Amino acid sequence: MIRGALLIALAALLWATTGIIAKFLFTETEMQATTLAFLRLAVALPFFWILMRREQRQLRATGGSAPGSSLRQLGLKALAPLAALGLFQAIYQGSYLLAVDLTGAGIATLIALCLPPVLVAILAAPLLGEKPGLLTILALITAVIGTGMLVLSDMDTSGTLRLAGILMALLAALVYTGFTLTSRYSSTGTPVFTTAFMCFFTAAILLLPVVLITDGFEGIEDFELRHWLMVVVIGIVPTCIGYVSFFAGMKTTPATLSSIIVTLEPLFVALLAWVFLEEVLGPVGIAGAFILTAAVIVASRYGAQPSGAARKGGAP
């Protein structure tokens, strides 16, 4: 179990590098957030294709009959939730990276990733015909307070209310909530990497026309080698290696423990942003970050999240 927990912690650390590298790219180039989101998925897709094909061969070798042991077996019942996940993923990628560009990697990630588990814990209860528990409601109130403290801290350190970036981070949080709920309660039974590939493929297809319409590829031919290396790193390290590490760790780690370990990601981002980007939260922001993280841990502990659902079809 210790090895599994360490693998999940490693995945959280790798995922945390996304916002940091993206901020460097946005600072040094004119790359649009939607363009980076598309390129990230385009780089990752071949890797997930290989993982999906390997997964399908293993299922056939063991006589598995789950939907998705072959793409030709996917019917409308399986494809509809996958298409919805792809739509959520496309909107999330664009809004999250735009929030990083308009504010900072730390505050954007804290809002975009810490609010969804609490919102899921609240919304999941009525979906199951139950009422949210008192601790879940208190976690939501605490999360709102923590988010407010982060916004106040950002205003203090930046000297202005970066409203557009905050709203994009909130949009990312809402979209990721929908993504998680769809992933959790879809009954397709589609294998993990088949789900991930179809989700990323759909998201890339949806992002491409947006990039073309907004002239998102304009000027990228002038990028230096290190800028392209940053794009490749975002596509491979947090997206591919991060997911493999996470799913490997999930095999031996209880769902509740894994959901708590994953909450390290926003804190890793805040720490990396402080070290590499000189982003300072300030005392109020640091307190808000810990309050928000505490709310996530409570929601994860008492919201009865099933194993790996939130990450099945993709993640930040």
Protein backbone atom coordinates (compact mmCIF):
# COMPACT_ATOMS: atom_id res chain seq x y z
CA MET A 1 0.00 0.00 0.00
CA ILE A 2 2.91 2.35 0.72
CA ARG A 3 4.21 1.91 -2.84
CA GLY A 4 0.74 2.65 -4.22
CA ALA A 5 0.40 5.77 -2.07
CA LEU A 6 3.80 6.99 -3.25
CA LEU A 7 2.81 6.43 -6.89
CA ILE A 8 -0.36 8.50 -6.40
CA ALA A 9 1.65 11.24 -4.68
CA LEU A 10 4.07 11.16 -7.64
CA ALA A 11 1.12 11.53 -10.03
CA ALA A 12 -0.10 14.56 -8.05
CA LEU A 13 3.37 16.10 -8.29
CA LEU A 14 3.58 15.46 -12.04
CA TRP A 15 0.10 16.90 -12.62
CA ALA A 16 1.19 19.97 -10.66
CA THR A 17 3.82 20.78 -13.28
CA THR A 18 1.14 21.53 -15.90
CA GLY A 19 0.25 24.99 -14.62
CA ILE A 20 3.88 25.90 -13.94
CA ILE A 21 5.12 25.05 -17.44
CA ALA A 22 2.02 26.61 -18.99
CA LYS A 23 2.68 29.89 -17.16
CA PHE A 24 6.23 29.96 -18.55
CA LEU A 25 4.86 29.44 -22.06
CA PHE A 26 2.23 32.14 -21.71
CA THR A 27 4.82 34.57 -20.34
CA GLU A 28 7.43 33.96 -23.03
CA THR A 29 5.15 33.49 -26.07
CA GLU A 30 1.82 34.63 -27.47
CA MET A 31 0.37 31.11 -27.34
CA GLN A 32 -3.34 30.98 -26.58
CA ALA A 33 -4.71 28.77 -23.84
CA THR A 34 -6.91 26.79 -26.25
CA THR A 35 -3.92 26.18 -28.52
CA LEU A 36 -1.86 24.76 -25.66
CA ALA A 37 -4.83 22.64 -24.55
CA PHE A 38 -5.14 21.17 -28.05
CA LEU A 39 -1.41 20.58 -28.46
CA ARG A 40 -1.24 18.91 -25.05
CA LEU A 41 -3.93 16.44 -26.06
CA ALA A 42 -2.41 15.91 -29.51
CA VAL A 43 0.93 14.96 -27.96
CA ALA A 44 -0.70 12.62 -25.44
CA LEU A 45 -3.08 10.82 -27.82
CA PRO A 46 -0.55 8.39 -29.42
CA PHE A 47 0.58 7.34 -25.96
CA PHE A 48 -2.98 6.64 -24.83
CA TRP A 49 -3.69 4.82 -28.10
CA ILE A 50 -0.85 2.41 -27.27
CA LEU A 51 -2.14 1.96 -23.71
CA MET A 52 -5.69 1.40 -24.99
CA ARG A 53 -4.56 -1.24 -27.51
CA ARG A 54 -2.52 -3.00 -24.81
CA GLU A 55 -5.52 -2.93 -22.47
CA GLN A 56 -7.78 -4.37 -25.17
CA ARG A 57 -5.34 -7.21 -25.93
CA GLN A 58 -5.18 -8.08 -22.24
CA LEU A 59 -8.97 -8.15 -22.02
CA ARG A 60 -9.26 -10.43 -25.03
CA ALA A 61 -6.50 -12.69 -23.70
CA THR A 62 -8.35 -13.14 -20.41
CA GLY A 63 -11.75 -13.52 -22.04
CA GLY A 64 -12.93 -10.10 -20.91
CA SER A 65 -16.27 -8.98 -22.30
CA ALA A 66 -16.37 -5.41 -21.04
CA PRO A 67 -17.55 -2.76 -23.52
CA GLY A 68 -14.49 -1.30 -25.18
CA SER A 69 -12.44 -4.49 -25.43
CA SER A 70 -12.69 -3.37 -29.06
CA LEU A 71 -13.65 0.11 -30.26
CA ARG A 72 -16.09 -1.50 -32.69
CA GLN A 73 -18.02 -2.85 -29.71
CA LEU A 74 -18.79 0.60 -28.35
CA GLY A 75 -22.47 1.30 -28.84
CA LEU A 76 -24.47 4.48 -28.35
CA LYS A 77 -24.93 3.72 -24.64
CA ALA A 78 -21.15 3.69 -24.18
CA LEU A 79 -20.30 6.49 -26.61
CA ALA A 80 -22.74 9.08 -25.23
CA PRO A 81 -21.08 9.37 -21.78
CA LEU A 82 -17.63 9.32 -23.43
CA ALA A 83 -18.66 12.19 -25.70
CA ALA A 84 -19.94 14.11 -22.68
CA LEU A 85 -16.64 13.50 -20.88
CA GLY A 86 -14.79 14.76 -23.95
CA LEU A 87 -16.87 17.94 -24.00
CA PHE A 88 -16.21 18.55 -20.31
CA GLN A 89 -12.51 17.86 -20.84
CA ALA A 90 -12.27 20.33 -23.74
CA ILE A 91 -13.95 23.13 -21.77
CA TYR A 92 -11.92 22.34 -18.66
CA GLN A 93 -8.58 22.35 -20.48
CA GLY A 94 -9.29 25.70 -22.10
CA SER A 95 -10.74 27.43 -19.03
CA TYR A 96 -8.09 26.13 -16.62
CA LEU A 97 -5.15 27.12 -18.81
CA LEU A 98 -6.75 30.49 -19.51
CA ALA A 99 -7.15 31.00 -15.74
CA VAL A 100 -3.44 30.23 -15.33
CA ASP A 101 -2.63 32.79 -18.01
CA LEU A 102 -4.88 35.51 -16.55
CA THR A 103 -3.99 34.99 -12.89
CA GLY A 104 -1.32 32.63 -11.62
CA ALA A 105 -0.67 28.90 -11.61
CA GLY A 106 -1.14 28.63 -7.85
CA ILE A 107 -4.46 30.39 -7.35
CA ALA A 108 -5.96 29.02 -10.59
CA THR A 109 -5.18 25.43 -9.61
CA LEU A 110 -6.31 25.81 -6.01
CA ILE A 111 -9.72 27.08 -7.13
CA ALA A 112 -10.11 24.78 -10.15
CA LEU A 113 -9.17 21.58 -8.32
CA CYS A 114 -10.18 22.10 -4.70
CA LEU A 115 -13.78 23.18 -5.26
CA PRO A 116 -14.91 20.20 -7.41
CA PRO A 117 -14.55 17.44 -4.75
CA VAL A 118 -16.66 19.50 -2.34
CA LEU A 119 -19.26 20.29 -5.01
CA VAL A 120 -19.35 16.64 -6.04
CA ALA A 121 -19.93 15.57 -2.44
CA ILE A 122 -22.88 17.98 -2.25
CA LEU A 123 -24.40 17.14 -5.66
CA ALA A 124 -23.81 13.39 -5.46
CA ALA A 125 -26.16 13.05 -2.50
CA PRO A 126 -29.36 14.21 -4.25
CA LEU A 127 -28.40 12.20 -7.33
CA LEU A 128 -28.54 9.11 -5.11
CA GLY A 129 -31.75 10.23 -3.43
CA GLU A 130 -30.00 11.10 -0.19
CA LYS A 131 -29.39 14.26 1.81
CA PRO A 132 -25.84 15.63 2.22
CA GLY A 133 -24.47 15.12 5.72
CA LEU A 134 -23.66 17.95 8.09
CA LEU A 135 -19.91 17.53 7.56
CA THR A 136 -20.38 17.75 3.81
CA ILE A 137 -22.36 20.99 4.13
CA LEU A 138 -19.73 22.40 6.50
CA ALA A 139 -17.03 21.40 3.98
CA LEU A 140 -18.83 23.39 1.28
CA ILE A 141 -19.10 26.47 3.51
CA THR A 142 -15.43 26.11 4.46
CA ALA A 143 -14.43 25.74 0.80
CA VAL A 144 -16.28 28.96 -0.10
CA ILE A 145 -14.51 30.79 2.74
CA GLY A 146 -11.12 29.42 1.65
CA THR A 147 -11.76 30.46 -1.95
CA GLY A 148 -12.72 33.94 -0.83
CA MET A 149 -9.50 34.21 1.16
CA LEU A 150 -7.52 33.18 -1.93
CA VAL A 151 -9.21 35.89 -4.00
CA LEU A 152 -8.49 38.52 -1.33
CA SER A 153 -4.87 37.40 -1.16
CA ASP A 154 -4.54 37.57 -4.94
CA MET A 155 -5.96 41.10 -4.92
CA ASP A 156 -3.43 42.08 -2.25
CA THR A 157 -0.38 40.64 -4.03
CA SER A 158 -1.34 41.66 -7.58
CA GLY A 159 -2.78 45.04 -6.62
CA THR A 160 -6.01 44.42 -8.53
CA LEU A 161 -8.95 42.04 -8.79
CA ARG A 162 -8.08 39.72 -11.67
CA LEU A 163 -11.76 38.94 -12.13
CA ALA A 164 -11.52 37.31 -15.56
CA GLY A 165 -8.96 34.80 -14.34
CA ILE A 166 -10.93 34.05 -11.17
CA LEU A 167 -14.09 33.48 -13.22
CA MET A 168 -12.21 31.14 -15.57
CA ALA A 169 -10.93 29.16 -12.58
CA LEU A 170 -14.49 28.95 -11.21
CA LEU A 171 -15.73 27.81 -14.63
CA ALA A 172 -13.02 25.13 -14.68
CA ALA A 173 -14.15 23.99 -11.22
CA LEU A 174 -17.79 23.74 -12.29
CA VAL A 175 -16.91 21.89 -15.49
CA TYR A 176 -14.65 19.47 -13.64
CA THR A 177 -17.51 18.83 -11.21
CA GLY A 178 -19.72 17.84 -14.13
CA PHE A 179 -16.89 15.74 -15.53
CA THR A 180 -16.46 13.88 -12.24
CA LEU A 181 -20.18 13.23 -11.77
CA THR A 182 -20.52 11.97 -15.34
CA SER A 183 -17.48 9.74 -14.94
CA ARG A 184 -18.66 8.41 -11.59
CA TYR A 185 -22.24 7.56 -12.50
CA SER A 186 -21.94 6.51 -16.13
CA SER A 187 -22.65 2.80 -16.29
CA THR A 188 -20.68 2.04 -19.45
CA GLY A 189 -18.09 -0.18 -17.75
CA THR A 190 -15.62 0.90 -20.43
CA PRO A 191 -11.98 0.03 -19.58
CA VAL A 192 -9.83 2.80 -18.09
CA PHE A 193 -7.48 3.63 -20.97
CA THR A 194 -10.20 3.20 -23.60
CA THR A 195 -12.19 5.80 -21.68
CA ALA A 196 -9.16 8.09 -21.41
CA PHE A 197 -8.30 7.82 -25.11
CA MET A 198 -11.87 8.44 -26.30
CA CYS A 199 -12.21 11.36 -23.86
CA PHE A 200 -8.98 13.02 -24.99
CA PHE A 201 -9.70 12.31 -28.67
CA THR A 202 -13.16 13.91 -28.43
CA ALA A 203 -11.77 16.90 -26.55
CA ALA A 204 -9.05 17.41 -29.18
CA ILE A 205 -11.63 17.25 -32.00
CA LEU A 206 -13.77 19.85 -30.22
CA LEU A 207 -10.83 22.17 -29.50
CA LEU A 208 -9.38 22.11 -33.02
CA PRO A 209 -12.06 24.26 -34.73
CA VAL A 210 -11.90 26.74 -31.82
CA VAL A 211 -8.15 27.07 -32.32
CA LEU A 212 -8.57 27.48 -36.09
CA ILE A 213 -11.34 30.07 -35.78
CA THR A 214 -9.32 32.15 -33.29
CA ASP A 215 -6.09 31.88 -35.35
CA GLY A 216 -4.52 29.99 -32.48
CA PHE A 217 -1.74 28.55 -34.62
CA GLU A 218 -0.60 32.01 -35.76
CA GLY A 219 3.00 32.67 -34.83
CA ILE A 220 3.84 29.23 -33.45
CA GLU A 221 6.29 28.67 -36.31
CA ASP A 222 8.50 31.25 -34.61
CA PHE A 223 8.66 29.35 -31.32
CA GLU A 224 12.09 28.42 -30.07
CA LEU A 225 13.08 24.81 -29.46
CA ARG A 226 12.63 25.13 -25.70
CA HIS A 227 9.04 26.29 -26.18
CA TRP A 228 8.25 23.18 -28.20
CA LEU A 229 9.99 21.10 -25.56
CA MET A 230 7.70 22.64 -22.95
CA VAL A 231 4.65 21.63 -25.00
CA VAL A 232 5.98 18.08 -25.35
CA VAL A 233 6.73 17.89 -21.63
CA ILE A 234 3.16 18.98 -20.76
CA GLY A 235 1.80 16.35 -23.14
CA ILE A 236 3.97 13.51 -21.81
CA VAL A 237 5.01 14.07 -18.19
CA PRO A 238 1.83 15.19 -16.35
CA THR A 239 -0.63 13.85 -18.92
CA CYS A 240 0.81 10.42 -19.79
CA ILE A 241 3.26 9.45 -17.06
CA GLY A 242 1.06 11.05 -14.41
CA TYR A 243 -1.95 8.92 -15.37
CA VAL A 244 0.03 5.69 -15.55
CA SER A 245 1.49 6.40 -12.12
CA PHE A 246 -1.96 7.18 -10.72
CA PHE A 247 -3.67 4.06 -12.03
CA ALA A 248 -0.74 1.88 -10.95
CA GLY A 249 -1.04 3.31 -7.45
CA MET A 250 -4.83 2.85 -7.41
CA LYS A 251 -4.41 -0.93 -7.71
CA THR A 252 -3.12 -1.22 -4.12
CA THR A 253 -4.43 1.97 -2.47
CA PRO A 254 -7.87 2.33 -0.84
CA ALA A 255 -10.15 4.81 -2.61
CA THR A 256 -10.50 7.14 0.39
CA LEU A 257 -6.75 7.34 0.93
CA SER A 258 -6.07 7.94 -2.77
CA SER A 259 -8.65 10.75 -2.94
CA ILE A 260 -6.94 12.45 -0.01
CA ILE A 261 -3.44 12.03 -1.46
CA VAL A 262 -4.60 13.61 -4.72
CA THR A 263 -5.39 16.80 -2.80
CA LEU A 264 -1.63 17.32 -2.62
CA GLU A 265 -1.69 18.47 -6.26
CA PRO A 266 -2.92 22.06 -5.64
CA LEU A 267 -0.48 22.42 -2.75
CA PHE A 268 2.34 21.14 -4.96
CA VAL A 269 1.35 23.74 -7.56
CA ALA A 270 1.34 26.53 -4.99
CA LEU A 271 4.79 25.46 -3.77
CA LEU A 272 6.24 25.14 -7.29
CA ALA A 273 4.69 28.48 -8.29
CA TRP A 274 6.38 30.10 -5.29
CA VAL A 275 9.77 28.54 -6.13
CA PHE A 276 9.83 28.92 -9.93
CA LEU A 277 7.36 31.73 -10.69
CA GLU A 278 7.79 33.80 -7.51
CA GLU A 279 4.04 33.74 -6.99
CA VAL A 280 3.32 34.71 -3.39
CA LEU A 281 -0.03 33.89 -1.79
CA GLY A 282 0.58 35.92 1.36
CA PRO A 283 -0.60 34.95 4.88
CA VAL A 284 -4.30 35.18 4.00
CA GLY A 285 -3.80 33.15 0.84
CA ILE A 286 -1.79 30.47 2.61
CA ALA A 287 -4.47 30.19 5.28
CA GLY A 288 -7.13 30.03 2.57
CA ALA A 289 -5.22 27.30 0.75
CA PHE A 290 -5.04 25.13 3.85
CA ILE A 291 -8.70 25.78 4.71
CA LEU A 292 -9.71 24.83 1.17
CA THR A 293 -7.56 21.70 1.31
CA ALA A 294 -9.09 20.72 4.64
CA ALA A 295 -12.54 21.06 3.10
CA VAL A 296 -11.48 18.77 0.24
CA ILE A 297 -10.17 16.14 2.67
CA VAL A 298 -13.44 16.19 4.62
CA ALA A 299 -15.46 15.92 1.41
CA SER A 300 -13.25 13.09 0.19
CA ARG A 301 -13.50 11.26 3.50
CA TYR A 302 -17.23 11.59 4.04
CA GLY A 303 -18.51 12.03 0.49
CA ALA A 304 -18.08 8.30 -0.30
CA GLN A 305 -16.14 8.76 -3.50
CA PRO A 306 -15.59 5.53 -5.42
CA SER A 307 -12.15 4.38 -6.51
CA GLY A 308 -10.59 6.36 -9.34
CA ALA A 309 -13.83 7.72 -10.77
CA ALA A 310 -12.75 11.32 -10.87
CA ARG A 311 -9.65 10.50 -12.90
CA LYS A 312 -10.97 7.77 -15.16
CA GLY A 313 -11.46 9.89 -18.23
CA GLY A 314 -8.75 12.45 -17.71
CA ALA A 315 -7.50 15.08 -15.37
CA PRO A 316 -5.77 18.42 -15.17
